[in-house]
């Protein structure tokens, strides 16, 4: 886990974007593009060049932060119950003990797993990964 504050991380991300935009502007200027029009190469890309571009695109996406959530369970309760909660109160969840925990990325289920403790810290051991086709099927239902 990073020890950087959110403001420091935002500044770092902004600096990375500024640098990327500057590099793109320099590349566009060097390729002969004029008046903001995109430059088109008269020669088709070779497979090696296309693969290099795909890898560069993937590298840009790999650093995008996402929210990973491990969900123990859920329960729907009235507000009056929430207001009565105090230290030591127990909230009963809909999940059973020993049931797999849901792993969500930006709110979408991607896996299930079991809770583990390593060096006094909780973690999750993934036991089932949702396939891309299953994720698409669930998205189309929602």
Protein backbone atom coordinates (compact mmCIF):
# COMPACT_ATOMS: atom_id res chain seq x y z
CA UNK A 1 0.00 0.00 0.00
CA UNK A 2 1.36 3.42 -0.88
CA UNK A 3 2.16 5.89 1.90
CA UNK A 4 1.57 8.87 -0.39
CA UNK A 5 -1.27 11.19 0.47
CA UNK A 6 -4.14 11.47 -2.05
CA UNK A 7 -3.00 15.01 -2.94
CA UNK A 8 0.56 13.80 -3.63
CA UNK A 9 -0.78 10.93 -5.73
CA UNK A 10 -3.06 13.32 -7.67
CA UNK A 11 -0.11 15.63 -8.35
CA UNK A 12 1.96 12.65 -9.50
CA UNK A 13 -0.82 11.49 -11.83
CA UNK A 14 -1.25 15.03 -13.18
CA UNK A 15 2.50 15.25 -13.80
CA UNK A 16 2.44 11.89 -15.60
CA UNK A 17 -0.45 13.06 -17.82
CA UNK A 18 1.28 16.37 -18.56
CA UNK A 19 4.45 14.52 -19.54
CA UNK A 20 2.50 12.10 -21.75
CA UNK A 21 0.68 14.95 -23.51
CA UNK A 22 3.97 16.77 -24.04
CA UNK A 23 5.55 13.64 -25.53
CA UNK A 24 2.53 13.21 -27.81
CA UNK A 25 2.78 16.84 -28.97
CA UNK A 26 6.50 16.43 -29.72
CA UNK A 27 5.83 13.18 -31.61
CA UNK A 28 3.03 14.79 -33.63
CA UNK A 29 5.22 17.79 -34.50
CA UNK A 30 8.04 15.50 -35.61
CA UNK A 31 5.77 13.37 -37.80
CA UNK A 32 4.81 16.27 -40.06
CA UNK A 33 1.25 16.82 -38.84
CA UNK A 34 0.00 20.30 -39.64
CA UNK A 35 -2.86 22.40 -38.27
CA UNK A 36 -3.70 19.80 -35.61
CA UNK A 37 -4.60 17.25 -38.27
CA UNK A 38 -3.55 13.70 -37.51
CA UNK A 39 -0.62 12.35 -39.45
CA UNK A 40 -1.34 9.29 -41.56
CA UNK A 41 1.35 6.92 -42.66
CA UNK A 42 1.10 5.85 -46.30
CA UNK A 43 2.71 2.53 -45.38
CA UNK A 44 0.70 -0.06 -43.51
CA UNK A 45 2.01 -1.03 -40.08
CA UNK A 46 4.14 -4.09 -39.88
CA UNK A 47 2.99 -6.70 -37.33
CA UNK A 48 5.95 -5.83 -35.11
CA UNK A 49 5.01 -2.14 -35.12
CA UNK A 50 1.36 -2.92 -34.43
CA UNK A 51 2.34 -5.20 -31.53
CA UNK A 52 4.60 -2.46 -30.16
CA UNK A 53 1.73 0.04 -30.28
CA UNK A 54 -0.61 -2.39 -28.52
CA UNK A 55 1.97 -3.01 -25.80
CA UNK A 56 2.44 0.74 -25.36
CA UNK A 57 -1.34 1.19 -25.07
CA UNK A 58 -1.56 -1.62 -22.51
CA UNK A 59 1.30 -0.12 -20.49
CA UNK A 60 -0.65 3.16 -20.24
CA UNK A 61 -3.70 1.34 -18.84
CA UNK A 62 -1.79 -0.73 -16.29
CA UNK A 63 -1.17 2.23 -13.96
CA UNK A 64 -4.82 3.35 -13.75
CA UNK A 65 -5.96 2.92 -10.13
CA UNK A 66 -9.15 0.95 -9.45
CA UNK A 67 -11.00 0.23 -6.23
CA UNK A 68 -10.71 -3.40 -5.11
CA UNK A 69 -13.33 -4.42 -2.53
CA UNK A 70 -13.73 -7.69 -0.67
CA UNK A 71 -17.30 -8.06 0.49
CA UNK A 72 -18.10 -10.21 3.51
CA UNK A 73 -21.86 -9.87 3.09
CA UNK A 74 -24.74 -7.43 2.97
CA UNK A 75 -27.84 -6.58 4.93
CA UNK A 76 -30.66 -4.08 4.45
CA UNK A 77 -31.78 -2.41 7.69
CA UNK A 78 -33.98 0.57 8.59
CA UNK A 79 -32.32 3.84 9.58
CA UNK A 80 -33.67 3.54 13.16
CA UNK A 81 -31.57 0.36 13.53
CA UNK A 82 -28.44 2.18 12.30
CA UNK A 83 -29.04 4.96 14.84
CA UNK A 84 -29.19 2.39 17.66
CA UNK A 85 -25.79 0.89 16.83
CA UNK A 86 -23.11 1.27 19.50
CA UNK A 87 -19.67 -0.11 20.16
CA UNK A 88 -20.00 -3.88 20.52
CA UNK A 89 -23.21 -4.10 18.46
CA UNK A 90 -23.43 -7.04 16.09
CA UNK A 91 -24.76 -6.65 12.55
CA UNK A 92 -25.88 -9.96 11.06
CA UNK A 93 -24.97 -10.29 7.38
CA UNK A 94 -26.64 -12.43 4.73
CA UNK A 95 -23.47 -14.49 4.09
CA UNK A 96 -22.85 -17.75 5.93
CA UNK A 97 -19.62 -18.54 7.78
CA UNK A 98 -17.21 -20.33 5.44
CA UNK A 99 -18.94 -19.01 2.31
CA UNK A 100 -16.66 -17.50 -0.36
CA UNK A 101 -16.16 -13.75 -0.17
CA UNK A 102 -16.90 -11.63 -3.25
CA UNK A 103 -14.02 -9.66 -4.80
CA UNK A 104 -15.21 -6.58 -6.69
CA UNK A 105 -13.31 -4.12 -8.88
CA UNK A 106 -15.10 -0.79 -9.21
CA UNK A 107 -18.28 -2.53 -8.04
CA UNK A 108 -18.15 -5.45 -10.51
CA UNK A 109 -17.66 -9.03 -9.32
CA UNK A 110 -14.42 -10.45 -10.71
CA UNK A 111 -13.62 -13.29 -8.29
CA UNK A 112 -14.45 -15.11 -5.09
CA UNK A 113 -12.11 -16.26 -2.40
CA UNK A 114 -11.51 -17.25 1.19
CA UNK A 115 -10.17 -15.09 4.00
CA UNK A 116 -6.60 -15.79 5.14
CA UNK A 117 -4.40 -14.23 7.82
CA UNK A 118 -0.75 -13.58 6.95
CA UNK A 119 1.55 -11.84 9.46
CA UNK A 120 -1.48 -10.61 11.46
CA UNK A 121 -3.02 -9.02 8.35
CA UNK A 122 -6.16 -10.15 6.58
CA UNK A 123 -5.97 -11.17 2.95
CA UNK A 124 -7.99 -13.19 0.49
CA UNK A 125 -6.99 -16.31 -1.41
CA UNK A 126 -8.77 -16.32 -4.75
CA UNK A 127 -10.62 -19.57 -5.35
CA UNK A 128 -12.73 -18.71 -8.40
CA UNK A 129 -12.16 -16.11 -11.14
CA UNK A 130 -15.17 -14.88 -13.10
CA UNK A 131 -14.55 -15.45 -16.81
CA UNK A 132 -14.75 -12.47 -19.18
CA UNK A 133 -17.82 -13.98 -20.89
CA UNK A 134 -19.56 -14.39 -17.53
CA UNK A 135 -18.72 -10.78 -16.60
CA UNK A 136 -20.26 -9.59 -19.88
CA UNK A 137 -23.38 -11.71 -19.25
CA UNK A 138 -23.79 -10.19 -15.77
CA UNK A 139 -23.27 -6.66 -17.12
CA UNK A 140 -25.97 -7.16 -19.75
CA UNK A 141 -28.44 -8.28 -17.05
CA UNK A 142 -27.76 -5.23 -14.87
